[in-house]
Amino acid sequence: MNTPTNVQLINGADGYPAFVVVPYAEYVAQYGKDRHLIPNEVAGRVLKDDMTPMKAWREHLGMTQAEVAARLGTTQAAFAQLENSSHPRKSTLRRVANALGLSLAQLDF
C-alpha cells in the first residue's frame, strides 16, 4: 500500500493491529461535536486560571465579546456581564453554545 496516509497502525504482541493513531485535528473534526470534547486548553483555563467556561471557549475560538454579542443580538457590555456570571441559566447557556457552535455539554461543565 503506497497511498500516503495520516493514519498509523500499531500492532500488538500477536502481530495484528491493536491501535490506530490519527492526527488530533482529524479526530476532533470527526468526533468532537458528537462526543462533546473539551480541548485541554479550554479545561486548563477554567481549572487553572479560574475562568468561566464561556470565556475560555470564546478566547479559544478567537472571538471577541462584540462578535459573540452580535450573534446573540445583545450588546458587548451585556455579554461581558453574562460571560463573567458563575451560574448562568441553562436556557442562556444553550443560546451561547449555539452562538459559539458548541453543544450545551461542552459549555456547561
PDB file of N, CA and C in Angstrom:
ATOM      1  N   MET A   1       0.846  -1.175   0.000  1.00  0.00           N
ATOM      2  CA  MET A   1       0.000   0.000   0.000  1.00  0.00           C
ATOM      3  C   MET A   1       0.887   1.232   0.000  1.00  0.00           C
ATOM      4  N   ASN A   2       0.897   1.959  -1.077  1.00  0.00           N
ATOM      5  CA  ASN A   2       1.749   3.127  -1.221  1.00  0.00           C
ATOM      6  C   ASN A   2       0.999   4.446  -1.116  1.00  0.00           C
ATOM      7  N   THR A   3      -0.276   4.394  -0.800  1.00  0.00           N
ATOM      8  CA  THR A   3      -1.062   5.611  -0.684  1.00  0.00           C
ATOM      9  C   THR A   3      -0.672   6.339   0.594  1.00  0.00           C
ATOM     10  N   PRO A   4      -0.301   7.642   0.519  1.00  0.00           N
ATOM     11  CA  PRO A   4       0.053   8.377   1.729  1.00  0.00           C
ATOM     12  C   PRO A   4      -1.156   8.509   2.646  1.00  0.00           C
ATOM     13  N   THR A   5      -0.917   8.371   3.913  1.00  0.00           N
ATOM     14  CA  THR A   5      -1.998   8.462   4.892  1.00  0.00           C
ATOM     15  C   THR A   5      -1.483   9.085   6.180  1.00  0.00           C
ATOM     16  N   ASN A   6      -2.391   9.703   6.904  1.00  0.00           N
ATOM     17  CA  ASN A   6      -2.038  10.277   8.206  1.00  0.00           C
ATOM     18  C   ASN A   6      -2.324   9.301   9.327  1.00  0.00           C
ATOM     19  N   VAL A   7      -2.794   8.108   8.985  1.00  0.00           N
ATOM     20  CA  VAL A   7      -3.158   7.111   9.986  1.00  0.00           C
ATOM     21  C   VAL A   7      -1.981   6.186  10.227  1.00  0.00           C
ATOM     22  N   GLN A   8      -1.741   5.871  11.494  1.00  0.00           N
ATOM     23  CA  GLN A   8      -0.654   4.963  11.845  1.00  0.00           C
ATOM     24  C   GLN A   8      -1.250   3.765  12.572  1.00  0.00           C
ATOM     25  N   LEU A   9      -0.907   2.577  12.140  1.00  0.00           N
ATOM     26  CA  LEU A   9      -1.339   1.354  12.819  1.00  0.00           C
ATOM     27  C   LEU A   9      -0.233   0.882  13.745  1.00  0.00           C
ATOM     28  N   ILE A  10      -0.614   0.435  14.912  1.00  0.00           N
ATOM     29  CA  ILE A  10       0.341  -0.124  15.868  1.00  0.00           C
ATOM     30  C   ILE A  10      -0.099  -1.554  16.144  1.00  0.00           C
ATOM     31  N   ASN A  11       0.803  -2.485  15.865  1.00  0.00           N
ATOM     32  CA  ASN A  11       0.488  -3.895  16.073  1.00  0.00           C
ATOM     33  C   ASN A  11       0.725  -4.301  17.513  1.00  0.00           C
ATOM     34  N   GLY A  12      -0.078  -5.241  17.950  1.00  0.00           N
ATOM     35  CA  GLY A  12       0.075  -5.805  19.283  1.00  0.00           C
ATOM     36  C   GLY A  12       1.128  -6.887  19.290  1.00  0.00           C
ATOM     37  N   ALA A  13       1.286  -7.535  20.439  1.00  0.00           N
ATOM     38  CA  ALA A  13       2.288  -8.591  20.586  1.00  0.00           C
ATOM     39  C   ALA A  13       2.024  -9.758  19.647  1.00  0.00           C
ATOM     40  N   ASP A  14       0.755  -9.934  19.263  1.00  0.00           N
ATOM     41  CA  ASP A  14       0.397 -11.035  18.371  1.00  0.00           C
ATOM     42  C   ASP A  14       0.649 -10.715  16.899  1.00  0.00           C
ATOM     43  N   GLY A  15       1.109  -9.478  16.612  1.00  0.00           N
ATOM     44  CA  GLY A  15       1.410  -9.088  15.243  1.00  0.00           C
ATOM     45  C   GLY A  15       0.229  -8.498  14.481  1.00  0.00           C
ATOM     46  N   TYR A  16      -0.944  -8.483  15.101  1.00  0.00           N
ATOM     47  CA  TYR A  16      -2.124  -7.930  14.460  1.00  0.00           C
ATOM     48  C   TYR A  16      -2.361  -6.497  14.947  1.00  0.00           C
ATOM     49  N   PRO A  17      -3.012  -5.686  14.111  1.00  0.00           N
ATOM     50  CA  PRO A  17      -3.282  -4.296  14.518  1.00  0.00           C
ATOM     51  C   PRO A  17      -4.029  -4.229  15.854  1.00  0.00           C
ATOM     52  N   ALA A  18      -3.518  -3.405  16.752  1.00  0.00           N
ATOM     53  CA  ALA A  18      -4.132  -3.244  18.069  1.00  0.00           C
ATOM     54  C   ALA A  18      -4.597  -1.803  18.300  1.00  0.00           C
ATOM     55  N   PHE A  19      -3.930  -0.839  17.664  1.00  0.00           N
ATOM     56  CA  PHE A  19      -4.257   0.572  17.851  1.00  0.00           C
ATOM     57  C   PHE A  19      -4.170   1.304  16.519  1.00  0.00           C
ATOM     58  N   VAL A  20      -4.928   2.388  16.431  1.00  0.00           N
ATOM     59  CA  VAL A  20      -4.866   3.277  15.280  1.00  0.00           C
ATOM     60  C   VAL A  20      -4.598   4.669  15.801  1.00  0.00           C
ATOM     61  N   VAL A  21      -3.597   5.340  15.262  1.00  0.00           N
ATOM     62  CA  VAL A  21      -3.257   6.699  15.663  1.00  0.00           C
ATOM     63  C   VAL A  21      -3.616   7.626  14.503  1.00  0.00           C
ATOM     64  N   VAL A  22      -4.427   8.650  14.810  1.00  0.00           N
ATOM     65  CA  VAL A  22      -4.802   9.640  13.792  1.00  0.00           C
ATOM     66  C   VAL A  22      -4.419  11.019  14.313  1.00  0.00           C
ATOM     67  N   PRO A  23      -4.167  11.975  13.426  1.00  0.00           N
ATOM     68  CA  PRO A  23      -3.867  13.334  13.879  1.00  0.00           C
ATOM     69  C   PRO A  23      -5.027  13.888  14.704  1.00  0.00           C
ATOM     70  N   TYR A  24      -4.691  14.609  15.742  1.00  0.00           N
ATOM     71  CA  TYR A  24      -5.695  15.137  16.671  1.00  0.00           C
ATOM     72  C   TYR A  24      -6.736  15.988  15.950  1.00  0.00           C
ATOM     73  N   ALA A  25      -6.319  16.844  15.032  1.00  0.00           N
ATOM     74  CA  ALA A  25      -7.260  17.711  14.315  1.00  0.00           C
ATOM     75  C   ALA A  25      -8.294  16.885  13.552  1.00  0.00           C
ATOM     76  N   GLU A  26      -7.865  15.780  12.952  1.00  0.00           N
ATOM     77  CA  GLU A  26      -8.809  14.913  12.241  1.00  0.00           C
ATOM     78  C   GLU A  26      -9.770  14.242  13.215  1.00  0.00           C
ATOM     79  N   TYR A  27      -9.262  13.807  14.352  1.00  0.00           N
ATOM     80  CA  TYR A  27     -10.106  13.184  15.369  1.00  0.00           C
ATOM     81  C   TYR A  27     -11.185  14.152  15.849  1.00  0.00           C
ATOM     82  N   VAL A  28     -10.790  15.377  16.172  1.00  0.00           N
ATOM     83  CA  VAL A  28     -11.736  16.372  16.655  1.00  0.00           C
ATOM     84  C   VAL A  28     -12.762  16.701  15.572  1.00  0.00           C
ATOM     85  N   ALA A  29     -12.301  16.846  14.336  1.00  0.00           N
ATOM     86  CA  ALA A  29     -13.219  17.162  13.241  1.00  0.00           C
ATOM     87  C   ALA A  29     -14.260  16.070  13.062  1.00  0.00           C
ATOM     88  N   GLN A  30     -13.858  14.832  13.253  1.00  0.00           N
ATOM     89  CA  GLN A  30     -14.773  13.719  13.035  1.00  0.00           C
ATOM     90  C   GLN A  30     -15.616  13.404  14.266  1.00  0.00           C
ATOM     91  N   TYR A  31     -15.042  13.491  15.453  1.00  0.00           N
ATOM     92  CA  TYR A  31     -15.739  13.025  16.650  1.00  0.00           C
ATOM     93  C   TYR A  31     -16.025  14.098  17.689  1.00  0.00           C
ATOM     94  N   GLY A  32     -15.415  15.265  17.563  1.00  0.00           N
ATOM     95  CA  GLY A  32     -15.524  16.303  18.586  1.00  0.00           C
ATOM     96  C   GLY A  32     -16.917  16.741  18.924  1.00  0.00           C
ATOM     97  N   LYS A  33     -17.701  17.121  17.942  1.00  0.00           N
ATOM     98  CA  LYS A  33     -19.046  17.639  18.186  1.00  0.00           C
ATOM     99  C   LYS A  33     -19.943  16.544  18.765  1.00  0.00           C
ATOM    100  N   ASP A  34     -19.853  15.335  18.202  1.00  0.00           N
ATOM    101  CA  ASP A  34     -20.709  14.247  18.657  1.00  0.00           C
ATOM    102  C   ASP A  34     -20.358  13.776  20.057  1.00  0.00           C
ATOM    103  N   ARG A  35     -19.112  13.864  20.414  1.00  0.00           N
ATOM    104  CA  ARG A  35     -18.682  13.345  21.711  1.00  0.00           C
ATOM    105  C   ARG A  35     -18.508  14.439  22.750  1.00  0.00           C
ATOM    106  N   HIS A  36     -18.821  15.657  22.383  1.00  0.00           N
ATOM    107  CA  HIS A  36     -18.766  16.791  23.309  1.00  0.00           C
ATOM    108  C   HIS A  36     -17.383  16.957  23.936  1.00  0.00           C
ATOM    109  N   LEU A  37     -16.358  16.874  23.107  1.00  0.00           N
ATOM    110  CA  LEU A  37     -14.988  17.020  23.596  1.00  0.00           C
ATOM    111  C   LEU A  37     -14.714  18.445  24.056  1.00  0.00           C
ATOM    112  N   ILE A  38     -13.857  18.570  25.043  1.00  0.00           N
ATOM    113  CA  ILE A  38     -13.417  19.866  25.546  1.00  0.00           C
ATOM    114  C   ILE A  38     -11.894  19.888  25.428  1.00  0.00           C
ATOM    115  N   PRO A  39     -11.349  20.787  24.613  1.00  0.00           N
ATOM    116  CA  PRO A  39      -9.892  20.831  24.446  1.00  0.00           C
ATOM    117  C   PRO A  39      -9.170  21.083  25.766  1.00  0.00           C
ATOM    118  N   ASN A  40      -7.981  20.536  25.871  1.00  0.00           N
ATOM    119  CA  ASN A  40      -7.162  20.708  27.067  1.00  0.00           C
ATOM    120  C   ASN A  40      -6.952  22.183  27.397  1.00  0.00           C
ATOM    121  N   GLU A  41      -6.781  23.004  26.368  1.00  0.00           N
ATOM    122  CA  GLU A  41      -6.552  24.438  26.589  1.00  0.00           C
ATOM    123  C   GLU A  41      -7.751  25.082  27.292  1.00  0.00           C
ATOM    124  N   VAL A  42      -8.960  24.693  26.889  1.00  0.00           N
ATOM    125  CA  VAL A  42     -10.172  25.254  27.498  1.00  0.00           C
ATOM    126  C   VAL A  42     -10.306  24.776  28.939  1.00  0.00           C
ATOM    127  N   ALA A  43     -10.171  23.473  29.146  1.00  0.00           N
ATOM    128  CA  ALA A  43     -10.289  22.927  30.502  1.00  0.00           C
ATOM    129  C   ALA A  43      -9.220  23.513  31.424  1.00  0.00           C
ATOM    130  N   GLY A  44      -8.008  23.654  30.910  1.00  0.00           N
ATOM    131  CA  GLY A  44      -6.918  24.208  31.714  1.00  0.00           C
ATOM    132  C   GLY A  44      -7.189  25.637  32.152  1.00  0.00           C
ATOM    133  N   ARG A  45      -7.736  26.445  31.255  1.00  0.00           N
ATOM    134  CA  ARG A  45      -8.021  27.843  31.612  1.00  0.00           C
ATOM    135  C   ARG A  45      -9.132  27.911  32.654  1.00  0.00           C
ATOM    136  N   VAL A  46     -10.098  27.020  32.560  1.00  0.00           N
ATOM    137  CA  VAL A  46     -11.187  27.006  33.538  1.00  0.00           C
ATOM    138  C   VAL A  46     -10.651  26.573  34.902  1.00  0.00           C
ATOM    139  N   LEU A  47      -9.856  25.530  34.911  1.00  0.00           N
ATOM    140  CA  LEU A  47      -9.364  24.981  36.175  1.00  0.00           C
ATOM    141  C   LEU A  47      -8.212  25.769  36.775  1.00  0.00           C
ATOM    142  N   LYS A  48      -7.218  26.099  35.963  1.00  0.00           N
ATOM    143  CA  LYS A  48      -6.024  26.768  36.482  1.00  0.00           C
ATOM    144  C   LYS A  48      -6.198  28.271  36.632  1.00  0.00           C
ATOM    145  N   ASP A  49      -6.858  28.883  35.652  1.00  0.00           N
ATOM    146  CA  ASP A  49      -6.974  30.343  35.650  1.00  0.00           C
ATOM    147  C   ASP A  49      -8.282  30.839  36.245  1.00  0.00           C
ATOM    148  N   ASP A  50      -9.115  29.904  36.742  1.00  0.00           N
ATOM    149  CA  ASP A  50     -10.403  30.253  37.355  1.00  0.00           C
ATOM    150  C   ASP A  50     -11.252  31.105  36.413  1.00  0.00           C
ATOM    151  N   MET A  51     -11.305  30.678  35.156  1.00  0.00           N
ATOM    152  CA  MET A  51     -12.043  31.387  34.114  1.00  0.00           C
ATOM    153  C   MET A  51     -13.374  30.653  33.897  1.00  0.00           C
ATOM    154  N   THR A  52     -14.410  31.375  33.518  1.00  0.00           N
ATOM    155  CA  THR A  52     -15.672  30.697  33.211  1.00  0.00           C
ATOM    156  C   THR A  52     -15.509  29.917  31.913  1.00  0.00           C
ATOM    157  N   PRO A  53     -16.234  28.799  31.774  1.00  0.00           N
ATOM    158  CA  PRO A  53     -16.160  28.043  30.519  1.00  0.00           C
ATOM    159  C   PRO A  53     -16.524  28.903  29.298  1.00  0.00           C
ATOM    160  N   MET A  54     -17.477  29.797  29.469  1.00  0.00           N
ATOM    161  CA  MET A  54     -17.906  30.657  28.371  1.00  0.00           C
ATOM    162  C   MET A  54     -16.746  31.521  27.868  1.00  0.00           C
ATOM    163  N   LYS A  55     -16.010  32.114  28.793  1.00  0.00           N
ATOM    164  CA  LYS A  55     -14.889  32.968  28.413  1.00  0.00           C
ATOM    165  C   LYS A  55     -13.743  32.140  27.832  1.00  0.00           C
ATOM    166  N   ALA A  56     -13.461  30.996  28.449  1.00  0.00           N
ATOM    167  CA  ALA A  56     -12.383  30.139  27.973  1.00  0.00           C
ATOM    168  C   ALA A  56     -12.653  29.675  26.537  1.00  0.00           C
ATOM    169  N   TRP A  57     -13.889  29.273  26.257  1.00  0.00           N
ATOM    170  CA  TRP A  57     -14.246  28.847  24.906  1.00  0.00           C
ATOM    171  C   TRP A  57     -14.155  30.006  23.926  1.00  0.00           C
ATOM    172  N   ARG A  58     -14.703  31.160  24.309  1.00  0.00           N
ATOM    173  CA  ARG A  58     -14.693  32.317  23.407  1.00  0.00           C
ATOM    174  C   ARG A  58     -13.269  32.661  23.001  1.00  0.00           C
ATOM    175  N   GLU A  59     -12.375  32.725  23.984  1.00  0.00           N
ATOM    176  CA  GLU A  59     -10.980  33.050  23.686  1.00  0.00           C
ATOM    177  C   GLU A  59     -10.311  31.944  22.869  1.00  0.00           C
ATOM    178  N   HIS A  60     -10.627  30.697  23.179  1.00  0.00           N
ATOM    179  CA  HIS A  60     -10.071  29.566  22.433  1.00  0.00           C
ATOM    180  C   HIS A  60     -10.484  29.620  20.969  1.00  0.00           C
ATOM    181  N   LEU A  61     -11.706  30.056  20.725  1.00  0.00           N
ATOM    182  CA  LEU A  61     -12.220  30.156  19.359  1.00  0.00           C
ATOM    183  C   LEU A  61     -11.776  31.440  18.659  1.00  0.00           C
ATOM    184  N   GLY A  62     -11.065  32.307  19.383  1.00  0.00           N
ATOM    185  CA  GLY A  62     -10.533  33.536  18.800  1.00  0.00           C
ATOM    186  C   GLY A  62     -11.598  34.574  18.501  1.00  0.00           C
ATOM    187  N   MET A  63     -12.630  34.596  19.310  1.00  0.00           N
ATOM    188  CA  MET A  63     -13.728  35.546  19.093  1.00  0.00           C
ATOM    189  C   MET A  63     -13.678  36.664  20.130  1.00  0.00           C
ATOM    190  N   THR A  64     -14.195  37.820  19.758  1.00  0.00           N
ATOM    191  CA  THR A  64     -14.306  38.934  20.700  1.00  0.00           C
ATOM    192  C   THR A  64     -15.678  38.890  21.359  1.00  0.00           C
ATOM    193  N   GLN A  65     -15.795  39.605  22.468  1.00  0.00           N
ATOM    194  CA  GLN A  65     -17.094  39.712  23.125  1.00  0.00           C
ATOM    195  C   GLN A  65     -18.115  40.350  22.186  1.00  0.00           C
ATOM    196  N   ALA A  66     -17.695  41.326  21.412  1.00  0.00           N
ATOM    197  CA  ALA A  66     -18.601  42.015  20.479  1.00  0.00           C
ATOM    198  C   ALA A  66     -19.129  41.052  19.414  1.00  0.00           C
ATOM    199  N   GLU A  67     -18.269  40.155  18.917  1.00  0.00           N
ATOM    200  CA  GLU A  67     -18.703  39.187  17.909  1.00  0.00           C
ATOM    201  C   GLU A  67     -19.762  38.236  18.466  1.00  0.00           C
ATOM    202  N   VAL A  68     -19.524  37.734  19.666  1.00  0.00           N
ATOM    203  CA  VAL A  68     -20.491  36.814  20.278  1.00  0.00           C
ATOM    204  C   VAL A  68     -21.781  37.569  20.597  1.00  0.00           C
ATOM    205  N   ALA A  69     -21.659  38.780  21.117  1.00  0.00           N
ATOM    206  CA  ALA A  69     -22.836  39.588  21.435  1.00  0.00           C
ATOM    207  C   ALA A  69     -23.686  39.823  20.190  1.00  0.00           C
ATOM    208  N   ALA A  70     -23.044  40.088  19.066  1.00  0.00           N
ATOM    209  CA  ALA A  70     -23.781  40.304  17.811  1.00  0.00           C
ATOM    210  C   ALA A  70     -24.546  39.048  17.409  1.00  0.00           C
ATOM    211  N   ARG A  71     -23.940  37.893  17.589  1.00  0.00           N
ATOM    212  CA  ARG A  71     -24.613  36.626  17.269  1.00  0.00           C
ATOM    213  C   ARG A  71     -25.807  36.387  18.193  1.00  0.00           C
ATOM    214  N   LEU A  72     -25.700  36.902  19.420  1.00  0.00           N
ATOM    215  CA  LEU A  72     -26.785  36.742  20.396  1.00  0.00           C
ATOM    216  C   LEU A  72     -27.835  37.841  20.289  1.00  0.00           C
ATOM    217  N   GLY A  73     -27.516  38.881  19.553  1.00  0.00           N
ATOM    218  CA  GLY A  73     -28.441  40.009  19.437  1.00  0.00           C
ATOM    219  C   GLY A  73     -28.486  40.868  20.689  1.00  0.00           C
ATOM    220  N   THR A  74     -27.331  41.017  21.323  1.00  0.00           N
ATOM    221  CA  THR A  74     -27.236  41.824  22.540  1.00  0.00           C
ATOM    222  C   THR A  74     -26.021  42.740  22.434  1.00  0.00           C
ATOM    223  N   THR A  75     -25.773  43.502  23.474  1.00  0.00           N
ATOM    224  CA  THR A  75     -24.620  44.410  23.463  1.00  0.00           C
ATOM    225  C   THR A  75     -23.383  43.713  24.017  1.00  0.00           C
ATOM    226  N   GLN A  76     -22.233  44.288  23.700  1.00  0.00           N
ATOM    227  CA  GLN A  76     -20.971  43.741  24.225  1.00  0.00           C
ATOM    228  C   GLN A  76     -20.962  43.828  25.740  1.00  0.00           C
ATOM    229  N   ALA A  77     -21.457  44.915  26.301  1.00  0.00           N
ATOM    230  CA  ALA A  77     -21.468  45.087  27.761  1.00  0.00           C
ATOM    231  C   ALA A  77     -22.355  44.040  28.428  1.00  0.00           C
ATOM    232  N   ALA A  78     -23.501  43.753  27.830  1.00  0.00           N
ATOM    233  CA  ALA A  78     -24.398  42.736  28.393  1.00  0.00           C
ATOM    234  C   ALA A  78     -23.754  41.359  28.323  1.00  0.00           C
ATOM    235  N   PHE A  79     -23.083  41.070  27.206  1.00  0.00           N
ATOM    236  CA  PHE A  79     -22.428  39.773  27.089  1.00  0.00           C
ATOM    237  C   PHE A  79     -21.259  39.663  28.063  1.00  0.00           C
ATOM    238  N   ALA A  80     -20.510  40.735  28.252  1.00  0.00           N
ATOM    239  CA  ALA A  80     -19.381  40.715  29.200  1.00  0.00           C
ATOM    240  C   ALA A  80     -19.872  40.362  30.599  1.00  0.00           C
ATOM    241  N   GLN A  81     -21.004  40.907  30.971  1.00  0.00           N
ATOM    242  CA  GLN A  81     -21.579  40.610  32.289  1.00  0.00           C
ATOM    243  C   GLN A  81     -22.003  39.135  32.358  1.00  0.00           C
ATOM    244  N   LEU A  82     -22.622  38.663  31.294  1.00  0.00           N
ATOM    245  CA  LEU A  82     -23.056  37.269  31.227  1.00  0.00           C
ATOM    246  C   LEU A  82     -21.855  36.323  31.261  1.00  0.00           C
ATOM    247  N   GLU A  83     -20.827  36.671  30.527  1.00  0.00           N
ATOM    248  CA  GLU A  83     -19.631  35.828  30.428  1.00  0.00           C
ATOM    249  C   GLU A  83     -18.959  35.633  31.788  1.00  0.00           C
ATOM    250  N   ASN A  84     -19.062  36.605  32.653  1.00  0.00           N
ATOM    251  CA  ASN A  84     -18.428  36.515  33.965  1.00  0.00           C
ATOM    252  C   ASN A  84     -19.352  35.958  35.039  1.00  0.00           C
ATOM    253  N   SER A  85     -20.584  35.635  34.664  1.00  0.00           N
ATOM    254  CA  SER A  85     -21.539  35.061  35.611  1.00  0.00           C
ATOM    255  C   SER A  85     -21.131  33.636  35.963  1.00  0.00           C
ATOM    256  N   SER A  86     -21.152  33.309  37.243  1.00  0.00           N
ATOM    257  CA  SER A  86     -20.742  31.971  37.656  1.00  0.00           C
ATOM    258  C   SER A  86     -21.856  30.936  37.510  1.00  0.00           C
ATOM    259  N   HIS A  87     -23.117  31.373  37.440  1.00  0.00           N
ATOM    260  CA  HIS A  87     -24.236  30.433  37.328  1.00  0.00           C
ATOM    261  C   HIS A  87     -25.290  30.926  36.343  1.00  0.00           C
ATOM    262  N   PRO A  88     -24.959  30.983  35.043  1.00  0.00           N
ATOM    263  CA  PRO A  88     -25.965  31.423  34.071  1.00  0.00           C
ATOM    264  C   PRO A  88     -27.080  30.380  33.928  1.00  0.00           C
ATOM    265  N   ARG A  89     -28.234  30.825  33.493  1.00  0.00           N
ATOM    266  CA  ARG A  89     -29.367  29.922  33.286  1.00  0.00           C
ATOM    267  C   ARG A  89     -29.057  28.936  32.169  1.00  0.00           C
ATOM    268  N   LYS A  90     -29.679  27.778  32.243  1.00  0.00           N
ATOM    269  CA  LYS A  90     -29.491  26.730  31.231  1.00  0.00           C
ATOM    270  C   LYS A  90     -29.927  27.227  29.855  1.00  0.00           C
ATOM    271  N   SER A  91     -31.031  27.967  29.801  1.00  0.00           N
ATOM    272  CA  SER A  91     -31.511  28.488  28.516  1.00  0.00           C
ATOM    273  C   SER A  91     -30.504  29.470  27.921  1.00  0.00           C
ATOM    274  N   THR A  92     -29.866  30.248  28.776  1.00  0.00           N
ATOM    275  CA  THR A  92     -28.847  31.187  28.312  1.00  0.00           C
ATOM    276  C   THR A  92     -27.625  30.435  27.803  1.00  0.00           C
ATOM    277  N   LEU A  93     -27.224  29.408  28.539  1.00  0.00           N
ATOM    278  CA  LEU A  93     -26.080  28.590  28.111  1.00  0.00           C
ATOM    279  C   LEU A  93     -26.353  27.957  26.746  1.00  0.00           C
ATOM    280  N   ARG A  94     -27.587  27.514  26.511  1.00  0.00           N
ATOM    281  CA  ARG A  94     -27.952  26.927  25.227  1.00  0.00           C
ATOM    282  C   ARG A  94     -27.783  27.936  24.092  1.00  0.00           C
ATOM    283  N   ARG A  95     -28.249  29.164  24.322  1.00  0.00           N
ATOM    284  CA  ARG A  95     -28.132  30.215  23.312  1.00  0.00           C
ATOM    285  C   ARG A  95     -26.676  30.534  23.008  1.00  0.00           C
ATOM    286  N   VAL A  96     -25.870  30.652  24.058  1.00  0.00           N
ATOM    287  CA  VAL A  96     -24.446  30.962  23.877  1.00  0.00           C
ATOM    288  C   VAL A  96     -23.732  29.796  23.195  1.00  0.00           C
ATOM    289  N   ALA A  97     -24.050  28.558  23.580  1.00  0.00           N
ATOM    290  CA  ALA A  97     -23.449  27.386  22.942  1.00  0.00           C
ATOM    291  C   ALA A  97     -23.747  27.400  21.447  1.00  0.00           C
ATOM    292  N   ASN A  98     -24.974  27.699  21.078  1.00  0.00           N
ATOM    293  CA  ASN A  98     -25.336  27.775  19.652  1.00  0.00           C
ATOM    294  C   ASN A  98     -24.553  28.881  18.954  1.00  0.00           C
ATOM    295  N   ALA A  99     -24.407  30.015  19.616  1.00  0.00           N
ATOM    296  CA  ALA A  99     -23.675  31.145  19.029  1.00  0.00           C
ATOM    297  C   ALA A  99     -22.202  30.809  18.816  1.00  0.00           C
ATOM    298  N   LEU A 100     -21.651  29.966  19.681  1.00  0.00           N
ATOM    299  CA  LEU A 100     -20.240  29.585  19.574  1.00  0.00           C
ATOM    300  C   LEU A 100     -20.039  28.327  18.729  1.00  0.00           C
ATOM    301  N   GLY A 101     -21.142  27.674  18.318  1.00  0.00           N
ATOM    302  CA  GLY A 101     -21.041  26.457  17.531  1.00  0.00           C
ATOM    303  C   GLY A 101     -20.664  25.246  18.369  1.00  0.00           C
ATOM    304  N   LEU A 102     -21.098  25.244  19.637  1.00  0.00           N
ATOM    305  CA  LEU A 102     -20.783  24.161  20.568  1.00  0.00           C
ATOM    306  C   LEU A 102     -22.055  23.440  20.993  1.00  0.00           C
ATOM    307  N   SER A 103     -21.878  22.302  21.637  1.00  0.00           N
ATOM    308  CA  SER A 103     -23.013  21.635  22.269  1.00  0.00           C
ATOM    309  C   SER A 103     -23.143  22.207  23.682  1.00  0.00           C
ATOM    310  N   LEU A 104     -24.308  22.044  24.275  1.00  0.00           N
ATOM    311  CA  LEU A 104     -24.522  22.524  25.641  1.00  0.00           C
ATOM    312  C   LEU A 104     -23.539  21.846  26.604  1.00  0.00           C
ATOM    313  N   ALA A 105     -23.296  20.558  26.410  1.00  0.00           N
ATOM    314  CA  ALA A 105     -22.388  19.826  27.296  1.00  0.00           C
ATOM    315  C   ALA A 105     -20.971  20.385  27.259  1.00  0.00           C
ATOM    316  N   GLN A 106     -20.544  20.900  26.107  1.00  0.00           N
ATOM    317  CA  GLN A 106     -19.201  21.461  26.010  1.00  0.00           C
ATOM    318  C   GLN A 106     -19.084  22.794  26.763  1.00  0.00           C
ATOM    319  N   LEU A 107     -20.175  23.480  26.935  1.00  0.00           N
ATOM    320  CA  LEU A 107     -20.141  24.781  27.597  1.00  0.00           C
ATOM    321  C   LEU A 107     -20.511  24.686  29.074  1.00  0.00           C
ATOM    322  N   ASP A 108     -21.280  23.686  29.442  1.00  0.00           N
ATOM    323  CA  ASP A 108     -21.798  23.560  30.811  1.00  0.00           C
ATOM    324  C   ASP A 108     -21.064  22.446  31.558  1.00  0.00           C
ATOM    325  N   PHE A 109     -19.838  22.759  31.970  1.00  0.00           N
ATOM    326  CA  PHE A 109     -19.065  21.766  32.741  1.00  0.00           C
ATOM    327  C   PHE A 109     -18.450  22.396  33.958  1.00  0.00           C
TER     328      PHE A 109
END
